[in-house]
Amino acid sequence: MAREMMVESQMPDCFWRFAYASACFLHNCLPNSRCKDSSPHQVLFGQPPPISTLYPFGADAVQQSHKLSPRGLPCRLFKPLLSGGWLLWDPVGDRQIQLASVVFPHFQSSNNKDASCVKDLISHIVNATTLGQVPTEHYFKNELTAIDTLSVTKDVAISEHLGQALSGPMQQEWKRACKAELEQMARRDVWEAVDKEKTMKTIGHRWVFDIKQHVDGSIEKFKARLVARGDCQRPGVDCTEMYAPTASLMSLRLVLAHTVCSNWTLSSFDVSGAYLYSPVKETVFLEPPTYFYPQLKKALYGMRQAGRCW
């Protein structure tokens, strides 16, 4: 849902987190079979969801003001607020604001326009400062700059194989990424060189390339990963148990809910090349890029049992 919102609204990619927040708000307003055909909002608050406040993500909005006041402030919609009003983006001031009274010109009927001439419309700015601890400028850069950065990033093609990567216009970046991957494997003592025997069975490998981006869509780094051809492995020979327990979505939700109720601070971290830390108990030989055959001592991404080893 959030992806469709971003595409339809044509909002810069740096606003993806607000698209997810808007999608969650809409999801909680829709009937759910688990809630006995009621909405999660109604189950939690005991009243129907505020349907009248729902407008498309990224919709044009104008700050409602008195008819004798200067022209209202043009904004773009992020999401409605449970406390009333809307969370919007002010492209002129490059900030997020909360407004209790706005007009959505593309969704105004003639009756609403006539009624608005009778009412005394006064703007109520609830909070025109950044929400949270993150500096505003980190997320709300100039819109044109964000679009330009995004277009440059999308012009960089991700290579499908090693030959394409090392012969394309970004070959130096991909070479550095491949070198960094091999150096990481050397530091982790992932394999050792052994002599080839006639009875030795090997599995293949391939390079997988990707581009890691910043929040605003700009390129952070080029990534290359040497992965094993798990489809070449033989169950019971070079792989046995493959089940690796992972946290379910329900478990994650319970942790998040308990964190909120306890007013805790939640942190997350990433283990770079996590599988490369895990020893392999089976004897696995990998086809080498040169004239030696590495015997794996640590798990490799792509192996069927890599998750369990980790």
Protein backbone atom coordinates (compact mmCIF):
# COMPACT_ATOMS: atom_id res chain seq x y z
CA MET A 1 0.00 0.00 0.00
CA ALA A 2 2.78 2.43 0.91
CA ARG A 3 4.55 1.80 -2.41
CA GLU A 4 1.40 2.64 -4.37
CA MET A 5 1.00 5.81 -2.29
CA MET A 6 4.53 6.94 -3.14
CA VAL A 7 4.06 6.21 -6.85
CA GLU A 8 0.64 7.86 -7.10
CA SER A 9 1.60 10.97 -5.12
CA GLN A 10 5.01 11.37 -6.82
CA MET A 11 6.44 12.46 -3.48
CA PRO A 12 10.26 12.34 -3.09
CA ASP A 13 11.65 9.03 -1.82
CA CYS A 14 12.85 10.68 1.40
CA PHE A 15 9.18 10.70 2.55
CA TRP A 16 8.74 6.91 2.40
CA ARG A 17 8.40 6.65 6.20
CA PHE A 18 5.39 8.97 6.14
CA ALA A 19 3.81 6.87 3.38
CA TYR A 20 4.11 3.82 5.67
CA ALA A 21 2.61 5.79 8.56
CA SER A 22 -0.31 6.87 6.36
CA ALA A 23 -0.83 3.29 5.15
CA CYS A 24 -0.89 2.04 8.76
CA PHE A 25 -3.43 4.71 9.73
CA LEU A 26 -5.67 3.73 6.80
CA HIS A 27 -5.29 0.01 7.58
CA ASN A 28 -6.44 0.62 11.16
CA CYS A 29 -9.54 2.42 9.86
CA LEU A 30 -10.64 -0.50 7.66
CA PRO A 31 -12.87 -3.38 8.86
CA ASN A 32 -10.96 -6.48 9.92
CA SER A 33 -12.22 -10.05 10.29
CA ARG A 34 -10.14 -10.46 13.44
CA CYS A 35 -12.05 -7.52 14.92
CA LYS A 36 -15.41 -9.13 14.03
CA ASP A 37 -15.88 -6.91 10.96
CA SER A 38 -15.06 -3.81 12.96
CA SER A 39 -11.97 -1.66 12.51
CA PRO A 40 -8.95 -1.78 14.85
CA HIS A 41 -9.53 1.93 15.49
CA GLN A 42 -13.07 1.33 16.73
CA VAL A 43 -12.00 -1.61 18.89
CA LEU A 44 -9.26 0.45 20.54
CA PHE A 45 -11.06 3.78 20.98
CA GLY A 46 -14.70 2.67 21.08
CA GLN A 47 -15.79 5.00 18.28
CA PRO A 48 -15.84 4.88 14.47
CA PRO A 49 -12.67 5.97 12.66
CA PRO A 50 -12.53 9.59 11.44
CA ILE A 51 -13.41 8.82 7.83
CA SER A 52 -13.98 12.50 7.03
CA THR A 53 -10.28 13.22 7.66
CA LEU A 54 -9.03 10.66 5.12
CA TYR A 55 -7.49 12.09 1.95
CA PRO A 56 -4.90 10.62 -0.43
CA PHE A 57 -1.27 10.68 0.69
CA GLY A 58 0.51 13.67 -0.83
CA ALA A 59 -2.74 15.49 -1.65
CA ASP A 60 -2.47 19.25 -2.13
CA ALA A 61 -3.75 21.17 0.89
CA VAL A 62 -4.10 24.83 1.79
CA GLN A 63 -4.10 26.30 5.27
CA GLN A 64 -7.63 27.51 5.99
CA SER A 65 -7.72 31.17 6.97
CA HIS A 66 -10.18 34.01 7.36
CA LYS A 67 -11.62 35.22 4.04
CA LEU A 68 -9.97 38.62 4.55
CA SER A 69 -6.59 37.13 5.40
CA PRO A 70 -3.74 36.72 2.90
CA ARG A 71 -3.53 33.60 0.78
CA GLY A 72 -3.26 30.35 2.75
CA LEU A 73 -0.12 28.24 3.09
CA PRO A 74 0.16 25.51 0.40
CA CYS A 75 1.07 22.09 1.84
CA ARG A 76 1.19 18.37 0.98
CA LEU A 77 -0.62 15.83 3.15
CA PHE A 78 1.22 13.17 5.14
CA LYS A 79 -1.52 11.68 7.36
CA PRO A 80 -4.41 12.52 9.69
CA LEU A 81 -3.72 12.81 13.41
CA LEU A 82 -5.63 11.00 16.16
CA SER A 83 -5.64 14.22 18.16
CA GLY A 84 -7.35 16.03 15.28
CA GLY A 85 -6.06 17.83 12.24
CA TRP A 86 -3.41 16.64 9.82
CA LEU A 87 0.33 16.19 9.59
CA LEU A 88 1.55 18.00 6.48
CA TRP A 89 4.71 19.04 4.68
CA ASP A 90 5.36 22.72 4.06
CA PRO A 91 7.49 22.78 0.86
CA VAL A 92 8.22 26.49 1.23
CA GLY A 93 9.66 26.25 4.74
CA ASP A 94 10.83 22.65 4.13
CA ARG A 95 9.33 21.42 7.42
CA GLN A 96 6.57 19.21 8.76
CA ILE A 97 3.68 20.92 10.51
CA GLN A 98 0.41 20.06 12.23
CA LEU A 99 -2.66 22.03 11.15
CA ALA A 100 -6.12 21.72 12.63
CA SER A 101 -7.88 23.45 9.74
CA VAL A 102 -6.96 22.94 6.10
CA VAL A 103 -8.72 22.81 2.73
CA PHE A 104 -8.11 20.13 0.10
CA PRO A 105 -8.99 22.04 -3.10
CA HIS A 106 -9.10 18.99 -5.37
CA PHE A 107 -11.68 17.30 -3.12
CA GLN A 108 -13.96 20.26 -2.38
CA SER A 109 -17.55 20.07 -3.70
CA SER A 110 -19.50 23.16 -4.67
CA ASN A 111 -21.63 22.82 -1.52
CA ASN A 112 -18.54 22.84 0.65
CA LYS A 113 -17.28 25.95 -1.14
CA ASP A 114 -20.57 27.75 -0.54
CA ALA A 115 -20.56 26.72 3.10
CA SER A 116 -16.99 27.89 3.53
CA CYS A 117 -18.04 31.40 2.57
CA VAL A 118 -20.44 31.50 5.51
CA LYS A 119 -18.16 30.01 8.16
CA ASP A 120 -15.49 31.94 9.96
CA LEU A 121 -12.39 29.94 9.03
CA ILE A 122 -9.44 30.65 11.29
CA SER A 123 -6.19 28.75 11.02
CA HIS A 124 -4.91 26.87 14.07
CA ILE A 125 -1.29 25.90 13.83
CA VAL A 126 -0.83 23.28 16.53
CA ASN A 127 2.86 22.64 16.10
CA ALA A 128 5.14 24.05 13.41
CA THR A 129 8.34 22.50 14.69
CA THR A 130 10.09 19.26 13.91
CA LEU A 131 8.54 16.18 15.51
CA GLY A 132 10.96 13.86 17.29
CA GLN A 133 14.66 14.12 17.91
CA VAL A 134 15.86 14.00 14.29
CA PRO A 135 16.96 17.35 12.79
CA THR A 136 14.50 18.62 10.21
CA GLU A 137 17.05 19.26 7.50
CA HIS A 138 18.12 15.61 7.55
CA TYR A 139 14.75 14.50 6.19
CA PHE A 140 13.36 17.62 4.61
CA LYS A 141 15.85 18.80 2.03
CA ASN A 142 14.89 20.91 -0.93
CA GLU A 143 12.41 18.96 -3.08
CA LEU A 144 14.20 19.67 -6.35
CA THR A 145 17.51 18.49 -4.88
CA ALA A 146 15.90 15.27 -3.68
CA ILE A 147 14.38 14.61 -7.11
CA ASP A 148 17.68 15.32 -8.88
CA THR A 149 19.53 12.97 -6.54
CA LEU A 150 16.92 10.28 -7.06
CA SER A 151 17.15 10.53 -10.85
CA VAL A 152 20.94 10.19 -10.74
CA THR A 153 20.69 7.09 -8.53
CA LYS A 154 18.14 5.41 -10.77
CA ASP A 155 20.40 5.98 -13.81
CA VAL A 156 23.07 3.68 -12.29
CA ALA A 157 22.36 0.13 -13.47
CA ILE A 158 23.01 -2.73 -11.07
CA SER A 159 25.17 -5.34 -12.81
CA GLU A 160 23.76 -8.83 -13.25
CA HIS A 161 27.12 -10.66 -13.40
CA LEU A 162 30.83 -10.08 -12.83
CA GLY A 163 31.70 -9.55 -16.49
CA GLN A 164 29.09 -6.82 -16.84
CA ALA A 165 30.26 -5.13 -13.64
CA LEU A 166 33.93 -5.05 -14.63
CA SER A 167 33.28 -3.78 -18.16
CA GLY A 168 30.64 -1.12 -17.47
CA PRO A 169 30.99 2.61 -16.75
CA MET A 170 31.07 2.00 -12.96
CA GLN A 171 33.73 -0.71 -13.14
CA GLN A 172 36.05 0.98 -10.63
CA GLU A 173 33.31 1.15 -8.01
CA TRP A 174 32.36 -2.50 -8.55
CA LYS A 175 36.04 -3.56 -8.42
CA ARG A 176 36.43 -1.87 -5.05
CA ALA A 177 33.25 -3.58 -3.82
CA CYS A 178 34.51 -7.02 -4.94
CA LYS A 179 37.88 -6.38 -3.32
CA ALA A 180 36.22 -5.35 -0.06
CA GLU A 181 34.16 -8.57 -0.06
CA LEU A 182 37.20 -10.79 -0.62
CA GLU A 183 39.19 -8.93 2.04
CA GLN A 184 36.32 -9.42 4.48
CA MET A 185 36.33 -13.17 3.77
CA ALA A 186 40.09 -13.30 4.28
CA ARG A 187 39.79 -11.56 7.66
CA ARG A 188 37.03 -13.96 8.73
CA ASP A 189 39.06 -17.03 7.65
CA VAL A 190 36.12 -18.25 5.56
CA TRP A 191 38.09 -20.85 3.54
CA GLU A 192 41.42 -22.55 3.10
CA ALA A 193 43.19 -23.80 -0.02
CA VAL A 194 43.39 -27.59 -0.51
CA ASP A 195 44.63 -29.86 -3.29
CA LYS A 196 42.04 -31.12 -5.72
CA GLU A 197 41.16 -34.80 -5.59
CA LYS A 198 39.41 -36.86 -8.25
CA THR A 199 36.48 -37.65 -5.98
CA MET A 200 36.04 -34.04 -4.88
CA LYS A 201 32.60 -32.57 -5.54
CA THR A 202 32.34 -28.80 -5.61
CA ILE A 203 29.54 -26.25 -5.61
CA GLY A 204 29.49 -23.15 -7.76
CA HIS A 205 29.39 -19.51 -6.81
CA ARG A 206 28.35 -16.20 -8.30
CA TRP A 207 28.64 -12.49 -7.59
CA VAL A 208 25.57 -10.50 -6.52
CA PHE A 209 25.69 -6.72 -6.84
CA ASP A 210 23.61 -4.00 -5.24
CA ILE A 211 23.67 -0.28 -4.44
CA LYS A 212 23.02 0.90 -0.88
CA GLN A 213 21.26 4.27 -0.68
CA HIS A 214 20.89 7.02 1.89
CA VAL A 215 17.42 8.05 3.10
CA ASP A 216 17.27 10.79 0.45
CA GLY A 217 18.00 8.30 -2.34
CA SER A 218 21.65 9.24 -2.92
CA ILE A 219 24.28 6.50 -3.26
CA GLU A 220 25.93 5.43 -0.01
CA LYS A 221 28.09 2.62 -1.40
CA PHE A 222 28.36 -0.11 -4.02
CA LYS A 223 28.00 -3.62 -2.60
CA ALA A 224 29.28 -6.92 -4.01
CA ARG A 225 28.68 -10.29 -2.37
CA LEU A 226 30.20 -13.63 -3.31
CA VAL A 227 27.45 -16.21 -2.77
CA ALA A 228 27.46 -19.98 -3.00
CA ARG A 229 25.23 -21.89 -5.41
CA GLY A 230 23.03 -23.55 -2.84
CA ASP A 231 21.05 -25.19 -5.64
CA CYS A 232 24.15 -27.30 -6.40
CA GLN A 233 24.32 -28.72 -2.87
CA ARG A 234 23.26 -32.32 -2.21
CA PRO A 235 21.02 -32.88 0.83
CA GLY A 236 22.59 -35.39 3.19
CA VAL A 237 26.06 -34.93 1.65
CA ASP A 238 27.22 -31.31 1.90
CA CYS A 239 24.14 -30.01 3.74
CA THR A 240 22.04 -31.70 6.41
CA GLU A 241 19.88 -29.60 8.72
CA MET A 242 18.75 -26.32 7.17
CA TYR A 243 16.06 -25.05 9.55
CA ALA A 244 17.02 -21.75 11.21
CA PRO A 245 14.57 -20.26 13.76
CA THR A 246 13.66 -16.62 13.20
CA ALA A 247 11.40 -14.20 15.03
CA SER A 248 7.82 -14.15 13.77
CA LEU A 249 5.95 -10.96 12.97
CA MET A 250 3.74 -11.51 16.02
CA SER A 251 6.82 -11.76 18.27
CA LEU A 252 8.16 -8.54 16.81
CA ARG A 253 4.85 -6.78 17.42
CA LEU A 254 4.79 -8.01 21.02
CA VAL A 255 8.29 -6.61 21.59
CA LEU A 256 7.32 -3.27 20.05
CA ALA A 257 4.09 -3.07 22.07
CA HIS A 258 5.88 -3.92 25.32
CA THR A 259 8.55 -1.33 24.54
CA VAL A 260 5.92 1.38 24.04
CA CYS A 261 3.95 0.43 27.17
CA SER A 262 7.14 0.44 29.26
CA ASN A 263 8.34 3.71 27.72
CA TRP A 264 11.64 2.08 26.78
CA THR A 265 14.09 3.11 24.08
CA LEU A 266 14.33 0.52 21.31
CA SER A 267 17.54 0.08 19.32
CA SER A 268 18.46 -2.19 16.44
CA PHE A 269 21.76 -3.18 14.86
CA ASP A 270 23.05 -5.02 11.83
CA VAL A 271 25.81 -7.64 11.76
CA SER A 272 27.79 -7.04 8.58
CA GLY A 273 28.39 -10.33 6.77
CA ALA A 274 26.79 -12.27 9.62
CA TYR A 275 26.94 -15.70 7.95
CA LEU A 276 30.71 -15.37 7.49
CA TYR A 277 31.14 -15.74 11.27
CA SER A 278 29.47 -19.16 11.43
CA PRO A 279 31.51 -22.40 11.07
CA VAL A 280 30.34 -25.15 8.68
CA LYS A 281 30.24 -28.68 10.11
CA GLU A 282 29.85 -30.37 6.71
CA THR A 283 32.73 -30.71 4.24
CA VAL A 284 31.96 -28.25 1.45
CA PHE A 285 34.27 -27.41 -1.45
CA LEU A 286 33.70 -24.27 -3.48
CA GLU A 287 34.69 -23.82 -7.11
CA PRO A 288 37.59 -21.37 -7.08
CA PRO A 289 38.03 -18.23 -9.18
CA THR A 290 41.64 -19.34 -9.86
CA TYR A 291 43.50 -22.68 -9.57
CA PHE A 292 42.84 -23.61 -5.94
CA TYR A 293 39.76 -25.07 -4.33
CA PRO A 294 38.63 -23.38 -1.11
CA GLN A 295 37.30 -25.65 1.61
CA LEU A 296 34.73 -23.65 3.50
CA LYS A 297 35.34 -23.18 7.21
CA LYS A 298 32.56 -20.59 7.64
CA ALA A 299 29.08 -20.39 6.15
CA LEU A 300 28.58 -18.52 2.91
CA TYR A 301 25.49 -16.58 1.85
CA GLY A 302 23.51 -18.77 -0.54
CA MET A 303 24.20 -22.06 1.28
CA ARG A 304 21.10 -23.93 2.34
CA GLN A 305 22.30 -24.35 5.92
CA ALA A 306 23.81 -20.85 6.26
CA GLY A 307 20.93 -19.55 8.36
CA ARG A 308 21.12 -22.50 10.75
CA CYS A 309 24.92 -22.18 11.04
CA TRP A 310 24.51 -18.53 11.99
